Amino acid sequence: MSHHASGPNFGFPRGDARLDMTDLFVFTKPGEPAKSIIVLNVHPSFALASPEPTTSEPFKPGALYEFKIDTNGDAVADICYSVQFASSENGKQTATVRRTQGARAVGVCDDGEVMVENAPVSVEREALVTNAGDYRFFFGWRSDSFFFDVNGNFNQMQFTGDDFFKDKNVCSIVIELPNSALGTRAVGIWARTVDKTADGWVQADRGGRPLQAVFLVGEQREAYLSGEPANDDRFIGVFAHELEHTGGYSPEDAASVARKLLPDILSYDFRRPVSFPHNGRTLADDVVDVFLSMLTNGKVTGDKVGPHRDLLDEFPYLGPPHNVLKQL
């Protein structure tokens, strides 16, 4: 996660920015702790290596954008919220949300219980919100909440506090749901995008924790993005190698850190305060500082960039998109 083109030197998954996952967040609803908020950001408005915008169409029609939830700690999904988009002739998009529970939540969830259909997708500054019982939904362009001095990272981690993402947009899927829909205890959450092809469904991207799918997968990128958390032990050696190389860890310490990062799932307990990396992730958590300190074994502790100031106090919590007319 925090892929933003799935890595500084990589293209978009399956060559399609709309399938690229950038960040996953989960936190208790401010002022109403009996509910939780899950946010998946996809489709960055700009690639890191190009001055040209990606595409104005927010989501890929027919593809699935899925939230997988593990309720018993085995890194296998027990609940899935799946979002599928359709485009009309006038260019507008609508969303259908399905919920799947039990053994069927493990695979492609294109036939679960329909919670919402024909929900509007926002392409302008106004947030079009859909209510359905105890749930609320948002789909569309928003201000990218991720913050990172990308150019400083490319310059041998000589950070100046220049936030590449301060004026960038992403496409967001935001779900407000009752905690009871998650069960009664801590859960593990990850997301994935699944493309519909002539040969069937193909997983394009996946992840739960920020940045590690960018910096730690080495030459195993394709295998990692198409993989499942339950099988992530096979990447411990790959992660450890990158940690030894970048952070100067001993082989034993590198393997120990790698085991803490896998499986690639974001742990969340709505009964506890939310703060990454201990529990969930808020929109303002400085995940880059946490990751850099871990990656470099404490040699670099931050990039001098802080949270964006356009975050909202109310649903959908992400700020309105920048330069809408230019993006469209």
C-alpha atoms as a PDB file:
ATOM      1  CA  MET A   1       0.000   0.000   0.000  1.00  0.00           C
ATOM      2  CA  SER A   2       0.902   3.626  -0.387  1.00  0.00           C
ATOM      3  CA  HIS A   3       1.827   2.273  -3.775  1.00  0.00           C
ATOM      4  CA  HIS A   4       1.211   5.337  -5.945  1.00  0.00           C
ATOM      5  CA  ALA A   5       2.077   3.412  -9.128  1.00  0.00           C
ATOM      6  CA  SER A   6       2.993   0.396  -6.980  1.00  0.00           C
ATOM      7  CA  GLY A   7       6.499   1.712  -6.476  1.00  0.00           C
ATOM      8  CA  PRO A   8       8.807   4.521  -7.595  1.00  0.00           C
ATOM      9  CA  ASN A   9      10.230   2.586 -10.526  1.00  0.00           C
ATOM     10  CA  PHE A  10       7.184   0.562 -11.494  1.00  0.00           C
ATOM     11  CA  GLY A  11       4.199   1.009 -13.754  1.00  0.00           C
ATOM     12  CA  PHE A  12       0.592   0.636 -12.737  1.00  0.00           C
ATOM     13  CA  PRO A  13      -0.811  -2.861 -12.118  1.00  0.00           C
ATOM     14  CA  ARG A  14      -1.844  -4.341 -15.469  1.00  0.00           C
ATOM     15  CA  GLY A  15      -0.916  -0.957 -16.964  1.00  0.00           C
ATOM     16  CA  ASP A  16      -4.070   0.649 -15.534  1.00  0.00           C
ATOM     17  CA  ALA A  17      -3.943   3.474 -12.986  1.00  0.00           C
ATOM     18  CA  ARG A  18      -7.564   2.779 -12.025  1.00  0.00           C
ATOM     19  CA  LEU A  19      -6.521  -0.593 -10.571  1.00  0.00           C
ATOM     20  CA  ASP A  20      -3.630   0.840  -8.547  1.00  0.00           C
ATOM     21  CA  MET A  21      -4.207   0.861  -4.791  1.00  0.00           C
ATOM     22  CA  THR A  22      -2.495   3.667  -2.936  1.00  0.00           C
ATOM     23  CA  ASP A  23      -3.626   3.456   0.704  1.00  0.00           C
ATOM     24  CA  LEU A  24      -5.897   1.646   3.131  1.00  0.00           C
ATOM     25  CA  PHE A  25      -7.180   3.230   6.346  1.00  0.00           C
ATOM     26  CA  VAL A  26      -9.427   1.978   9.137  1.00  0.00           C
ATOM     27  CA  PHE A  27     -10.385   3.913  12.259  1.00  0.00           C
ATOM     28  CA  THR A  28     -13.256   4.426  14.681  1.00  0.00           C
ATOM     29  CA  LYS A  29     -15.762   7.076  13.639  1.00  0.00           C
ATOM     30  CA  PRO A  30     -14.942  10.405  15.333  1.00  0.00           C
ATOM     31  CA  GLY A  31     -17.594  11.170  17.938  1.00  0.00           C
ATOM     32  CA  GLU A  32     -19.373   7.834  17.429  1.00  0.00           C
ATOM     33  CA  PRO A  33     -17.117   4.980  18.572  1.00  0.00           C
ATOM     34  CA  ALA A  34     -19.790   2.331  17.895  1.00  0.00           C
ATOM     35  CA  LYS A  35     -19.010   2.704  14.187  1.00  0.00           C
ATOM     36  CA  SER A  36     -15.875   2.343  12.077  1.00  0.00           C
ATOM     37  CA  ILE A  37     -14.606   3.955   8.883  1.00  0.00           C
ATOM     38  CA  ILE A  38     -12.765   2.022   6.175  1.00  0.00           C
ATOM     39  CA  VAL A  39     -11.099   3.949   3.346  1.00  0.00           C
ATOM     40  CA  LEU A  40      -9.481   2.572   0.208  1.00  0.00           C
ATOM     41  CA  ASN A  41      -7.702   5.052  -2.048  1.00  0.00           C
ATOM     42  CA  VAL A  42      -6.925   4.005  -5.606  1.00  0.00           C
ATOM     43  CA  HIS A  43      -6.078   5.614  -8.948  1.00  0.00           C
ATOM     44  CA  PRO A  44      -3.553   8.390  -8.267  1.00  0.00           C
ATOM     45  CA  SER A  45      -4.188  11.411 -10.472  1.00  0.00           C
ATOM     46  CA  PHE A  46      -0.494  11.569 -11.453  1.00  0.00           C
ATOM     47  CA  ALA A  47       2.224   8.967 -11.814  1.00  0.00           C
ATOM     48  CA  LEU A  48       5.475   9.766 -10.042  1.00  0.00           C
ATOM     49  CA  ALA A  49       7.507   9.839 -13.253  1.00  0.00           C
ATOM     50  CA  SER A  50       5.112  11.781 -15.511  1.00  0.00           C
ATOM     51  CA  PRO A  51       3.795  15.366 -15.530  1.00  0.00           C
ATOM     52  CA  GLU A  52       0.635  14.234 -17.318  1.00  0.00           C
ATOM     53  CA  PRO A  53      -2.541  13.245 -15.424  1.00  0.00           C
ATOM     54  CA  THR A  54      -3.668   9.634 -15.582  1.00  0.00           C
ATOM     55  CA  THR A  55      -7.312   9.473 -16.712  1.00  0.00           C
ATOM     56  CA  SER A  56     -10.473  11.288 -15.683  1.00  0.00           C
ATOM     57  CA  GLU A  57     -12.569   8.110 -15.331  1.00  0.00           C
ATOM     58  CA  PRO A  58     -12.376   7.305 -11.596  1.00  0.00           C
ATOM     59  CA  PHE A  59     -12.767   3.517 -11.483  1.00  0.00           C
ATOM     60  CA  LYS A  60     -12.449   0.692 -14.005  1.00  0.00           C
ATOM     61  CA  PRO A  61     -15.916  -0.485 -15.053  1.00  0.00           C
ATOM     62  CA  GLY A  62     -16.515  -4.144 -14.281  1.00  0.00           C
ATOM     63  CA  ALA A  63     -13.471  -4.531 -12.019  1.00  0.00           C
ATOM     64  CA  LEU A  64     -13.898  -5.379  -8.345  1.00  0.00           C
ATOM     65  CA  TYR A  65     -12.545  -3.286  -5.474  1.00  0.00           C
ATOM     66  CA  GLU A  66     -12.655  -5.530  -2.414  1.00  0.00           C
ATOM     67  CA  PHE A  67     -12.194  -5.139   1.337  1.00  0.00           C
ATOM     68  CA  LYS A  68     -11.245  -8.487   2.867  1.00  0.00           C
ATOM     69  CA  ILE A  69     -11.776  -8.957   6.619  1.00  0.00           C
ATOM     70  CA  ASP A  70     -10.295 -11.792   8.690  1.00  0.00           C
ATOM     71  CA  THR A  71     -12.201 -12.267  11.956  1.00  0.00           C
ATOM     72  CA  ASN A  72     -10.314 -15.211  13.479  1.00  0.00           C
ATOM     73  CA  GLY A  73      -6.614 -14.508  12.872  1.00  0.00           C
ATOM     74  CA  ASP A  74      -5.869 -17.077  10.163  1.00  0.00           C
ATOM     75  CA  ALA A  75      -5.144 -14.497   7.410  1.00  0.00           C
ATOM     76  CA  VAL A  76      -8.107 -15.808   5.383  1.00  0.00           C
ATOM     77  CA  ALA A  77     -11.119 -13.611   4.625  1.00  0.00           C
ATOM     78  CA  ASP A  78     -14.350 -14.279   6.535  1.00  0.00           C
ATOM     79  CA  ILE A  79     -16.168 -11.140   5.327  1.00  0.00           C
ATOM     80  CA  CYS A  80     -15.833  -9.263   2.058  1.00  0.00           C
ATOM     81  CA  TYR A  81     -17.217  -5.926   0.939  1.00  0.00           C
ATOM     82  CA  SER A  82     -16.963  -5.783  -2.840  1.00  0.00           C
ATOM     83  CA  VAL A  83     -17.537  -2.670  -4.960  1.00  0.00           C
ATOM     84  CA  GLN A  84     -18.151  -2.792  -8.708  1.00  0.00           C
ATOM     85  CA  PHE A  85     -18.615   0.195 -10.997  1.00  0.00           C
ATOM     86  CA  ALA A  86     -20.552   0.763 -14.192  1.00  0.00           C
ATOM     87  CA  SER A  87     -20.246   3.635 -16.666  1.00  0.00           C
ATOM     88  CA  SER A  88     -23.128   5.152 -18.596  1.00  0.00           C
ATOM     89  CA  GLU A  89     -23.066   6.723 -22.042  1.00  0.00           C
ATOM     90  CA  ASN A  90     -22.783  10.217 -20.550  1.00  0.00           C
ATOM     91  CA  GLY A  91     -19.577   9.225 -18.771  1.00  0.00           C
ATOM     92  CA  LYS A  92     -21.013   9.120 -15.263  1.00  0.00           C
ATOM     93  CA  GLN A  93     -20.281   6.130 -13.058  1.00  0.00           C
ATOM     94  CA  THR A  94     -22.377   4.295 -10.482  1.00  0.00           C
ATOM     95  CA  ALA A  95     -21.396   1.798  -7.792  1.00  0.00           C
ATOM     96  CA  THR A  96     -22.839  -1.473  -6.532  1.00  0.00           C
ATOM     97  CA  VAL A  97     -21.728  -2.783  -3.129  1.00  0.00           C
ATOM     98  CA  ARG A  98     -22.048  -6.434  -2.119  1.00  0.00           C
ATOM     99  CA  ARG A  99     -21.358  -8.135   1.196  1.00  0.00           C
ATOM    100  CA  THR A 100     -20.227 -11.752   1.351  1.00  0.00           C
ATOM    101  CA  GLN A 101     -19.661 -13.782   4.517  1.00  0.00           C
ATOM    102  CA  GLY A 102     -18.264 -17.211   5.295  1.00  0.00           C
ATOM    103  CA  ALA A 103     -16.269 -19.469   2.976  1.00  0.00           C
ATOM    104  CA  ARG A 104     -17.396 -17.567  -0.125  1.00  0.00           C
ATOM    105  CA  ALA A 105     -15.657 -14.409   1.172  1.00  0.00           C
ATOM    106  CA  VAL A 106     -12.284 -15.967   0.323  1.00  0.00           C
ATOM    107  CA  GLY A 107     -12.607 -15.805  -3.453  1.00  0.00           C
ATOM    108  CA  VAL A 108     -13.967 -13.337  -5.982  1.00  0.00           C
ATOM    109  CA  CYS A 109     -17.071 -11.762  -4.445  1.00  0.00           C
ATOM    110  CA  ASP A 110     -19.178 -10.672  -7.402  1.00  0.00           C
ATOM    111  CA  ASP A 111     -22.417 -12.332  -6.249  1.00  0.00           C
ATOM    112  CA  GLY A 112     -22.884 -11.433  -2.580  1.00  0.00           C
ATOM    113  CA  GLU A 113     -25.762  -9.683  -0.840  1.00  0.00           C
ATOM    114  CA  VAL A 114     -26.420  -6.358  -2.583  1.00  0.00           C
ATOM    115  CA  MET A 115     -26.233  -3.512  -0.067  1.00  0.00           C
ATOM    116  CA  VAL A 116     -26.304  -0.582  -2.483  1.00  0.00           C
ATOM    117  CA  GLU A 117     -26.714  -0.316  -6.234  1.00  0.00           C
ATOM    118  CA  ASN A 118     -26.566   2.570  -8.702  1.00  0.00           C
ATOM    119  CA  ALA A 119     -24.905   4.785  -6.080  1.00  0.00           C
ATOM    120  CA  PRO A 120     -23.445   7.962  -7.622  1.00  0.00           C
ATOM    121  CA  VAL A 121     -19.707   8.489  -8.088  1.00  0.00           C
ATOM    122  CA  SER A 122     -18.401  11.987  -7.309  1.00  0.00           C
ATOM    123  CA  VAL A 123     -16.246  13.726  -9.897  1.00  0.00           C
ATOM    124  CA  GLU A 124     -16.465  17.297  -8.571  1.00  0.00           C
ATOM    125  CA  ARG A 125     -15.789  18.936  -5.207  1.00  0.00           C
ATOM    126  CA  GLU A 126     -19.169  18.063  -3.730  1.00  0.00           C
ATOM    127  CA  ALA A 127     -19.160  14.701  -1.953  1.00  0.00           C
ATOM    128  CA  LEU A 128     -22.127  12.589  -3.061  1.00  0.00           C
ATOM    129  CA  VAL A 129     -22.934  10.353  -0.082  1.00  0.00           C
ATOM    130  CA  THR A 130     -25.186   7.266  -0.163  1.00  0.00           C
ATOM    131  CA  ASN A 131     -26.952   6.081   3.003  1.00  0.00           C
ATOM    132  CA  ALA A 132     -28.181   2.521   3.499  1.00  0.00           C
ATOM    133  CA  GLY A 133     -29.384   1.577   6.976  1.00  0.00           C
ATOM    134  CA  ASP A 134     -26.487   1.737   9.424  1.00  0.00           C
ATOM    135  CA  TYR A 135     -24.039   2.181   6.533  1.00  0.00           C
ATOM    136  CA  ARG A 136     -22.796   5.195   4.581  1.00  0.00           C
ATOM    137  CA  PHE A 137     -20.834   5.093   1.347  1.00  0.00           C
ATOM    138  CA  PHE A 138     -18.761   7.462  -0.758  1.00  0.00           C
ATOM    139  CA  PHE A 139     -17.108   6.862  -4.121  1.00  0.00           C
ATOM    140  CA  GLY A 140     -15.119   9.342  -6.209  1.00  0.00           C
ATOM    141  CA  TRP A 141     -12.288  11.834  -6.536  1.00  0.00           C
ATOM    142  CA  ARG A 142     -10.804  13.307  -3.333  1.00  0.00           C
ATOM    143  CA  SER A 143      -7.628  15.015  -2.192  1.00  0.00           C
ATOM    144  CA  ASP A 144      -4.842  12.481  -1.643  1.00  0.00           C
ATOM    145  CA  SER A 145      -4.250  12.209   2.102  1.00  0.00           C
ATOM    146  CA  PHE A 146      -0.846  10.535   1.706  1.00  0.00           C
ATOM    147  CA  PHE A 147       2.163  12.756   2.476  1.00  0.00           C
ATOM    148  CA  PHE A 148       5.775  12.056   1.558  1.00  0.00           C
ATOM    149  CA  ASP A 149       8.859  13.889   0.259  1.00  0.00           C
ATOM    150  CA  VAL A 150       9.226  11.678  -2.809  1.00  0.00           C
ATOM    151  CA  ASN A 151      12.000  13.733  -4.412  1.00  0.00           C
ATOM    152  CA  GLY A 152      14.010  13.586  -1.203  1.00  0.00           C
ATOM    153  CA  ASN A 153      13.655   9.822  -1.207  1.00  0.00           C
ATOM    154  CA  PHE A 154      15.042   9.664  -4.752  1.00  0.00           C
ATOM    155  CA  ASN A 155      17.895  11.913  -3.606  1.00  0.00           C
ATOM    156  CA  GLN A 156      19.423   9.303  -1.280  1.00  0.00           C
ATOM    157  CA  MET A 157      16.943  10.115   1.492  1.00  0.00           C
ATOM    158  CA  GLN A 158      18.066  13.731   1.727  1.00  0.00           C
ATOM    159  CA  PHE A 159      14.674  15.067   2.785  1.00  0.00           C
ATOM    160  CA  THR A 160      13.670  18.729   2.604  1.00  0.00           C
ATOM    161  CA  GLY A 161       9.975  18.474   3.505  1.00  0.00           C
ATOM    162  CA  ASP A 162       8.717  18.932  -0.061  1.00  0.00           C
ATOM    163  CA  ASP A 163       5.426  17.004  -0.135  1.00  0.00           C
ATOM    164  CA  PHE A 164       4.829  15.615  -3.632  1.00  0.00           C
ATOM    165  CA  PHE A 165       1.225  14.735  -2.792  1.00  0.00           C
ATOM    166  CA  LYS A 166       0.010  18.039  -1.351  1.00  0.00           C
ATOM    167  CA  ASP A 167      -1.888  18.961  -4.545  1.00  0.00           C
ATOM    168  CA  LYS A 168      -2.651  15.477  -5.887  1.00  0.00           C
ATOM    169  CA  ASN A 169      -5.928  13.539  -6.059  1.00  0.00           C
ATOM    170  CA  VAL A 170      -6.989   9.928  -5.687  1.00  0.00           C
ATOM    171  CA  CYS A 171     -10.235   8.034  -6.094  1.00  0.00           C
ATOM    172  CA  SER A 172     -11.675   6.996  -2.754  1.00  0.00           C
ATOM    173  CA  ILE A 173     -14.061   4.320  -1.564  1.00  0.00           C
ATOM    174  CA  VAL A 174     -15.247   5.160   1.954  1.00  0.00           C
ATOM    175  CA  ILE A 175     -17.487   2.904   4.029  1.00  0.00           C
ATOM    176  CA  GLU A 176     -18.996   3.768   7.414  1.00  0.00           C
ATOM    177  CA  LEU A 177     -20.257   0.646   9.139  1.00  0.00           C
ATOM    178  CA  PRO A 178     -21.367  -0.497  12.598  1.00  0.00           C
ATOM    179  CA  ASN A 179     -18.699  -2.250  14.622  1.00  0.00           C
ATOM    180  CA  SER A 180     -21.072  -5.185  14.996  1.00  0.00           C
ATOM    181  CA  ALA A 181     -20.564  -5.889  11.272  1.00  0.00           C
ATOM    182  CA  LEU A 182     -16.914  -6.681  12.072  1.00  0.00           C
ATOM    183  CA  GLY A 183     -17.645  -9.041  14.943  1.00  0.00           C
ATOM    184  CA  THR A 184     -16.716  -8.686  18.597  1.00  0.00           C
ATOM    185  CA  ARG A 185     -12.920  -8.619  18.601  1.00  0.00           C
ATOM    186  CA  ALA A 186      -9.853  -7.541  16.650  1.00  0.00           C
ATOM    187  CA  VAL A 187      -9.858  -8.151  12.905  1.00  0.00           C
ATOM    188  CA  GLY A 188      -7.358  -8.055  10.062  1.00  0.00           C
ATOM    189  CA  ILE A 189      -8.182  -6.009   6.972  1.00  0.00           C
ATOM    190  CA  TRP A 190      -6.647  -5.836   3.517  1.00  0.00           C
ATOM    191  CA  ALA A 191      -7.877  -4.706   0.137  1.00  0.00           C
ATOM    192  CA  ARG A 192      -7.411  -5.788  -3.434  1.00  0.00           C
ATOM    193  CA  THR A 193      -8.407  -4.883  -6.989  1.00  0.00           C
ATOM    194  CA  VAL A 194      -9.542  -7.656  -9.310  1.00  0.00           C
ATOM    195  CA  ASP A 195      -9.701  -7.178 -13.067  1.00  0.00           C
ATOM    196  CA  LYS A 196     -12.230  -8.902 -15.296  1.00  0.00           C
ATOM    197  CA  THR A 197     -10.521 -10.360 -18.379  1.00  0.00           C
ATOM    198  CA  ALA A 198     -11.376 -12.697 -21.235  1.00  0.00           C
ATOM    199  CA  ASP A 199      -9.690 -15.457 -19.245  1.00  0.00           C
ATOM    200  CA  GLY A 200     -11.546 -14.728 -16.012  1.00  0.00           C
ATOM    201  CA  TRP A 201     -10.816 -12.710 -12.876  1.00  0.00           C
ATOM    202  CA  VAL A 202      -7.205 -11.606 -12.272  1.00  0.00           C
ATOM    203  CA  GLN A 203      -5.988  -9.993  -9.050  1.00  0.00           C
ATOM    204  CA  ALA A 204      -4.162  -6.788 -10.005  1.00  0.00           C
ATOM    205  CA  ASP A 205      -3.112  -5.324  -6.661  1.00  0.00           C
ATOM    206  CA  ARG A 206      -3.427  -6.038  -2.949  1.00  0.00           C
ATOM    207  CA  GLY A 207      -2.159  -4.955   0.442  1.00  0.00           C
ATOM    208  CA  GLY A 208      -2.941  -3.746   3.920  1.00  0.00           C
ATOM    209  CA  ARG A 209       0.146  -2.090   5.382  1.00  0.00           C
ATOM    210  CA  PRO A 210       1.675   1.021   3.789  1.00  0.00           C
ATOM    211  CA  LEU A 211       4.847   1.185   1.693  1.00  0.00           C
ATOM    212  CA  GLN A 212       6.230  -2.314   2.149  1.00  0.00           C
ATOM    213  CA  ALA A 213       4.870  -3.582  -1.192  1.00  0.00           C
ATOM    214  CA  VAL A 214       6.909  -0.778  -2.775  1.00  0.00           C
ATOM    215  CA  PHE A 215      10.255  -1.012  -1.030  1.00  0.00           C
ATOM    216  CA  LEU A 216      10.571  -4.566   0.238  1.00  0.00           C
ATOM    217  CA  VAL A 217       9.399  -6.960  -2.472  1.00  0.00           C
ATOM    218  CA  GLY A 218      12.470  -6.704  -4.720  1.00  0.00           C
ATOM    219  CA  GLU A 219      12.100  -8.731  -7.897  1.00  0.00           C
ATOM    220  CA  GLN A 220       9.111 -10.575  -6.458  1.00  0.00           C
ATOM    221  CA  ARG A 221       6.707  -7.703  -7.142  1.00  0.00           C
ATOM    222  CA  GLU A 222       4.333  -9.531  -9.479  1.00  0.00           C
ATOM    223  CA  ALA A 223       4.166 -12.603  -7.261  1.00  0.00           C
ATOM    224  CA  TYR A 224       3.549 -10.403  -4.232  1.00  0.00           C
ATOM    225  CA  LEU A 225       0.761  -8.291  -5.745  1.00  0.00           C
ATOM    226  CA  SER A 226      -1.037 -11.377  -7.037  1.00  0.00           C
ATOM    227  CA  GLY A 227      -0.605 -13.308  -3.784  1.00  0.00           C
ATOM    228  CA  GLU A 228      -2.707 -13.950  -0.694  1.00  0.00           C
ATOM    229  CA  PRO A 229      -1.841 -12.946   2.890  1.00  0.00           C
ATOM    230  CA  ALA A 230      -2.152 -16.537   4.087  1.00  0.00           C
ATOM    231  CA  ASN A 231       0.865 -17.387   1.924  1.00  0.00           C
ATOM    232  CA  ASP A 232       2.994 -14.350   2.792  1.00  0.00           C
ATOM    233  CA  ASP A 233       5.544 -16.371   4.764  1.00  0.00           C
ATOM    234  CA  ARG A 234       7.192 -17.131   1.421  1.00  0.00           C
ATOM    235  CA  PHE A 235       8.256 -13.452   1.204  1.00  0.00           C
ATOM    236  CA  ILE A 236      10.037 -13.289   4.560  1.00  0.00           C
ATOM    237  CA  GLY A 237      13.371 -13.995   2.871  1.00  0.00           C
ATOM    238  CA  VAL A 238      12.758 -11.332   0.222  1.00  0.00           C
ATOM    239  CA  PHE A 239      11.861  -8.720   2.842  1.00  0.00           C
ATOM    240  CA  ALA A 240      14.825  -9.705   5.008  1.00  0.00           C
ATOM    241  CA  HIS A 241      17.229  -9.322   2.080  1.00  0.00           C
ATOM    242  CA  GLU A 242      16.002  -5.766   1.404  1.00  0.00           C
ATOM    243  CA  LEU A 243      16.225  -4.888   5.094  1.00  0.00           C
ATOM    244  CA  GLU A 244      19.791  -6.168   5.309  1.00  0.00           C
ATOM    245  CA  HIS A 245      20.739  -4.173   2.210  1.00  0.00           C
ATOM    246  CA  THR A 246      19.046  -0.890   3.150  1.00  0.00           C
ATOM    247  CA  GLY A 247      19.132  -0.901   6.935  1.00  0.00           C
ATOM    248  CA  GLY A 248      22.286  -2.853   7.636  1.00  0.00           C
ATOM    249  CA  TYR A 249      20.405  -5.378   9.743  1.00  0.00           C
ATOM    250  CA  SER A 250      22.013  -8.662  10.665  1.00  0.00           C
ATOM    251  CA  PRO A 251      20.376 -11.632   8.910  1.00  0.00           C
ATOM    252  CA  GLU A 252      18.698 -12.694  12.147  1.00  0.00           C
ATOM    253  CA  ASP A 253      17.349  -9.233  12.956  1.00  0.00           C
ATOM    254  CA  ALA A 254      16.209  -8.679   9.362  1.00  0.00           C
ATOM    255  CA  ALA A 255      14.218 -11.906   9.422  1.00  0.00           C
ATOM    256  CA  SER A 256      12.688 -10.951  12.755  1.00  0.00           C
ATOM    257  CA  VAL A 257      11.515  -7.566  11.423  1.00  0.00           C
ATOM    258  CA  ALA A 258      10.218  -9.170   8.226  1.00  0.00           C
ATOM    259  CA  ARG A 259       8.061 -11.580  10.222  1.00  0.00           C
ATOM    260  CA  LYS A 260       6.401  -8.631  11.972  1.00  0.00           C
ATOM    261  CA  LEU A 261       5.475  -7.085   8.608  1.00  0.00           C
ATOM    262  CA  LEU A 262       3.836 -10.210   7.225  1.00  0.00           C
ATOM    263  CA  PRO A 263       1.169 -11.199   6.477  1.00  0.00           C
ATOM    264  CA  ASP A 264       0.369  -7.905   4.736  1.00  0.00           C
ATOM    265  CA  ILE A 265      -2.728  -7.165   6.793  1.00  0.00           C
ATOM    266  CA  LEU A 266      -3.790  -4.058   8.720  1.00  0.00           C
ATOM    267  CA  SER A 267      -4.765  -5.083  12.264  1.00  0.00           C
ATOM    268  CA  TYR A 268      -7.731  -3.269  13.801  1.00  0.00           C
ATOM    269  CA  ASP A 269      -9.479  -3.445  17.160  1.00  0.00           C
ATOM    270  CA  PHE A 270     -12.309  -0.911  17.509  1.00  0.00           C
ATOM    271  CA  ARG A 271     -12.103  -1.269  21.292  1.00  0.00           C
ATOM    272  CA  ARG A 272      -8.651   0.348  21.389  1.00  0.00           C
ATOM    273  CA  PRO A 273      -7.249   3.768  20.358  1.00  0.00           C
ATOM    274  CA  VAL A 274      -6.252   3.890  16.704  1.00  0.00           C
ATOM    275  CA  SER A 275      -2.674   4.701  15.728  1.00  0.00           C
ATOM    276  CA  PHE A 276      -0.432   3.085  13.131  1.00  0.00           C
ATOM    277  CA  PRO A 277       1.455   0.739  13.400  1.00  0.00           C
ATOM    278  CA  HIS A 278      -0.200  -0.570  16.574  1.00  0.00           C
ATOM    279  CA  ASN A 279      -3.878  -0.481  15.658  1.00  0.00           C
ATOM    280  CA  GLY A 280      -5.547   0.534  12.401  1.00  0.00           C
ATOM    281  CA  ARG A 281      -4.523   3.679  10.581  1.00  0.00           C
ATOM    282  CA  THR A 282      -5.946   7.201  10.587  1.00  0.00           C
ATOM    283  CA  LEU A 283      -5.711   9.675   7.721  1.00  0.00           C
ATOM    284  CA  ALA A 284      -3.204  11.742   9.715  1.00  0.00           C
ATOM    285  CA  ASP A 285      -0.882   8.954  10.881  1.00  0.00           C
ATOM    286  CA  ASP A 286       2.691   9.599   9.731  1.00  0.00           C
ATOM    287  CA  VAL A 287       3.303   6.161   8.273  1.00  0.00           C
ATOM    288  CA  VAL A 288       6.320   7.341   6.272  1.00  0.00           C
ATOM    289  CA  ASP A 289       8.294   8.269   9.390  1.00  0.00           C
ATOM    290  CA  VAL A 290       7.448   4.902  10.958  1.00  0.00           C
ATOM    291  CA  PHE A 291       8.440   3.034   7.821  1.00  0.00           C
ATOM    292  CA  LEU A 292      11.678   4.960   7.178  1.00  0.00           C
ATOM    293  CA  SER A 293      12.850   4.373  10.730  1.00  0.00           C
ATOM    294  CA  MET A 294      12.204   0.644  10.353  1.00  0.00           C
ATOM    295  CA  LEU A 295      13.659   0.406   6.825  1.00  0.00           C
ATOM    296  CA  THR A 296      16.908   2.153   7.749  1.00  0.00           C
ATOM    297  CA  ASN A 297      17.249   0.607  11.213  1.00  0.00           C
ATOM    298  CA  GLY A 298      16.875   4.031  12.837  1.00  0.00           C
ATOM    299  CA  LYS A 299      19.355   5.869  10.620  1.00  0.00           C
ATOM    300  CA  VAL A 300      16.583   7.970   9.028  1.00  0.00           C
ATOM    301  CA  THR A 301      13.612   8.823  11.218  1.00  0.00           C
ATOM    302  CA  GLY A 302      11.510  11.123   9.062  1.00  0.00           C
ATOM    303  CA  ASP A 303      10.994  13.092   5.846  1.00  0.00           C
ATOM    304  CA  LYS A 304       9.978  16.451   7.439  1.00  0.00           C
ATOM    305  CA  VAL A 305       6.444  16.249   6.006  1.00  0.00           C
ATOM    306  CA  GLY A 306       3.237  16.294   8.063  1.00  0.00           C
ATOM    307  CA  PRO A 307      -0.452  15.568   7.499  1.00  0.00           C
ATOM    308  CA  HIS A 308      -2.482  17.552   5.006  1.00  0.00           C
ATOM    309  CA  ARG A 309      -4.634  20.391   6.295  1.00  0.00           C
ATOM    310  CA  ASP A 310      -7.648  19.723   4.082  1.00  0.00           C
ATOM    311  CA  LEU A 311      -8.901  16.675   5.978  1.00  0.00           C
ATOM    312  CA  LEU A 312     -12.545  16.926   7.021  1.00  0.00           C
ATOM    313  CA  ASP A 313     -14.137  16.388  10.437  1.00  0.00           C
ATOM    314  CA  GLU A 314     -17.111  14.634   8.860  1.00  0.00           C
ATOM    315  CA  PHE A 315     -17.808  11.892   6.324  1.00  0.00           C
ATOM    316  CA  PRO A 316     -16.080  11.157   3.934  1.00  0.00           C
ATOM    317  CA  TYR A 317     -13.174  12.756   5.901  1.00  0.00           C
ATOM    318  CA  LEU A 318     -10.882  13.232   2.879  1.00  0.00           C
ATOM    319  CA  GLY A 319     -10.695  16.760   1.517  1.00  0.00           C
ATOM    320  CA  PRO A 320     -12.273  17.818  -1.782  1.00  0.00           C
ATOM    321  CA  PRO A 321     -10.211  17.195  -4.912  1.00  0.00           C
ATOM    322  CA  HIS A 322      -7.740  19.762  -6.260  1.00  0.00           C
ATOM    323  CA  ASN A 323      -8.060  21.438  -9.658  1.00  0.00           C
ATOM    324  CA  VAL A 324     -11.148  19.485 -10.659  1.00  0.00           C
ATOM    325  CA  LEU A 325     -11.507  21.153 -14.033  1.00  0.00           C
ATOM    326  CA  LYS A 326      -7.889  20.422 -14.938  1.00  0.00           C
ATOM    327  CA  GLN A 327      -8.288  16.795 -13.895  1.00  0.00           C
ATOM    328  CA  LEU A 328     -11.447  16.364 -15.961  1.00  0.00           C
END
